[in-house]
Amino acid sequence: MTTSEGLAQGGGSSRTTKERQRMNELISVIAFGLFAILWVAFGSAIVASQGSLDDAWRWIRELPLAGQIVVGLLTLPVTIGLWVWETSWPLILRLVLVAGIGAWNLYAFFPRFLLGR
């Protein structure tokens, strides 16, 4: 079997596999970092300036529908947290739900490869 036949049958080189693995690791670290920053900002806004959360929710709601969909999908857990925060539910329930969503989000996006090192 020639090299091109091996590649055509899915027998890629280990270098390509390692490059993909590194890229996946980089993407997972970036995604985790971005969500961690968003949740820290969210928590800081709850403590220091709840009006900024209202402003963020208003900004999202004022976007054109396509913009709302894009922002909502890219930041889905944080957008759900904002929606929960903007409800008229009791404060303790909103705090528990937002903290739970944030914790779940960070757990789900935590780069697992870091645990093995």
Protein backbone atom coordinates (compact mmCIF):
# COMPACT_ATOMS: atom_id res chain seq x y z
CA MET A 1 0.00 0.00 0.00
CA THR A 2 1.35 3.39 -0.96
CA THR A 3 1.29 6.42 1.31
CA SER A 4 -1.50 8.06 -0.65
CA GLU A 5 -3.59 4.89 -0.39
CA GLY A 6 -3.00 4.78 3.36
CA LEU A 7 -4.09 8.40 3.73
CA ALA A 8 -7.15 7.81 1.55
CA GLN A 9 -8.17 4.93 3.82
CA GLY A 10 -7.91 7.05 6.97
CA GLY A 11 -4.39 6.09 7.94
CA GLY A 12 -3.20 9.68 8.51
CA SER A 13 0.16 10.38 10.03
CA SER A 14 0.64 10.70 13.76
CA ARG A 15 1.85 14.26 13.16
CA THR A 16 -1.57 15.24 11.79
CA THR A 17 -3.27 13.53 14.73
CA LYS A 18 -1.07 15.38 17.21
CA GLU A 19 -1.72 18.69 15.44
CA ARG A 20 -5.46 18.08 15.63
CA GLN A 21 -5.18 17.14 19.29
CA ARG A 22 -3.23 20.32 20.04
CA MET A 23 -5.78 22.41 18.14
CA ASN A 24 -8.65 20.75 20.05
CA GLU A 25 -6.86 21.39 23.33
CA LEU A 26 -6.29 25.04 22.40
CA ILE A 27 -9.94 25.50 21.44
CA SER A 28 -11.12 23.90 24.69
CA VAL A 29 -8.84 26.13 26.77
CA ILE A 30 -10.02 29.25 24.90
CA ALA A 31 -13.69 28.29 25.24
CA PHE A 32 -13.28 27.57 28.94
CA GLY A 33 -11.38 30.83 29.45
CA LEU A 34 -14.00 32.91 27.65
CA PHE A 35 -16.85 31.38 29.63
CA ALA A 36 -14.89 31.78 32.87
CA ILE A 37 -14.40 35.49 32.08
CA LEU A 38 -18.10 35.90 31.24
CA TRP A 39 -19.21 34.21 34.48
CA VAL A 40 -16.76 36.23 36.60
CA ALA A 41 -18.11 39.39 34.95
CA PHE A 42 -21.67 38.16 35.59
CA GLY A 43 -20.94 37.49 39.25
CA SER A 44 -19.19 40.83 39.63
CA ALA A 45 -22.17 42.58 38.08
CA ILE A 46 -24.53 40.86 40.53
CA VAL A 47 -22.46 42.17 43.44
CA ALA A 48 -21.40 45.58 42.17
CA SER A 49 -23.80 46.75 39.47
CA GLN A 50 -27.01 44.86 38.81
CA GLY A 51 -28.03 47.60 36.40
CA SER A 52 -25.30 46.46 34.02
CA LEU A 53 -27.01 43.06 33.79
CA ASP A 54 -30.23 44.86 32.92
CA ASP A 55 -28.33 46.82 30.26
CA ALA A 56 -26.80 43.63 28.83
CA TRP A 57 -30.22 41.96 28.66
CA ARG A 58 -31.72 45.05 27.03
CA TRP A 59 -28.86 45.17 24.51
CA ILE A 60 -29.44 41.53 23.51
CA ARG A 61 -33.20 42.07 23.23
CA GLU A 62 -32.72 45.17 21.04
CA LEU A 63 -30.54 43.34 18.50
CA PRO A 64 -32.15 42.27 15.24
CA LEU A 65 -33.50 38.72 15.41
CA ALA A 66 -30.48 37.31 13.57
CA GLY A 67 -28.16 39.04 16.05
CA GLN A 68 -30.16 37.71 19.01
CA ILE A 69 -29.89 34.20 17.61
CA VAL A 70 -26.13 34.44 17.01
CA VAL A 71 -25.35 36.00 20.40
CA GLY A 72 -27.75 33.64 22.13
CA LEU A 73 -26.22 30.54 20.61
CA LEU A 74 -22.60 31.60 21.10
CA THR A 75 -23.17 32.47 24.75
CA LEU A 76 -26.13 30.20 25.47
CA PRO A 77 -25.44 29.40 29.15
CA VAL A 78 -24.73 33.05 30.00
CA THR A 79 -27.79 34.19 28.03
CA ILE A 80 -29.93 31.70 29.94
CA GLY A 81 -28.39 33.06 33.14
CA LEU A 82 -29.31 36.59 32.09
CA TRP A 83 -32.85 35.48 31.30
CA VAL A 84 -33.17 33.83 34.71
CA TRP A 85 -31.77 36.93 36.39
CA GLU A 86 -34.26 39.19 34.62
CA THR A 87 -37.29 37.16 35.74
CA SER A 88 -39.40 38.25 38.69
CA TRP A 89 -38.66 35.04 40.59
CA PRO A 90 -37.48 35.27 44.23
CA LEU A 91 -33.88 36.46 44.58
CA ILE A 92 -32.64 33.28 46.26
CA LEU A 93 -34.06 31.11 43.46
CA ARG A 94 -32.44 33.31 40.80
CA LEU A 95 -29.09 33.21 42.61
CA VAL A 96 -29.18 29.42 42.96
CA LEU A 97 -30.18 28.91 39.32
CA VAL A 98 -27.57 31.33 37.94
CA ALA A 99 -24.84 29.80 40.13
CA GLY A 100 -25.89 26.32 39.05
CA ILE A 101 -25.93 27.22 35.37
CA GLY A 102 -22.52 28.87 35.70
CA ALA A 103 -21.02 25.92 37.58
CA TRP A 104 -22.44 23.42 35.09
CA ASN A 105 -21.18 25.50 32.16
CA LEU A 106 -17.64 25.73 33.53
CA TYR A 107 -17.63 22.03 34.44
CA ALA A 108 -18.82 21.07 30.95
CA PHE A 109 -16.18 23.23 29.24
CA PHE A 110 -13.29 22.39 31.58
CA PRO A 111 -10.37 21.07 29.48
CA ARG A 112 -10.17 17.45 30.66
CA PHE A 113 -6.66 16.98 29.31
CA LEU A 114 -5.41 19.27 32.09
CA LEU A 115 -6.42 16.68 34.69
CA GLY A 116 -4.02 14.13 33.24
CA ARG A 117 -0.96 16.38 33.45
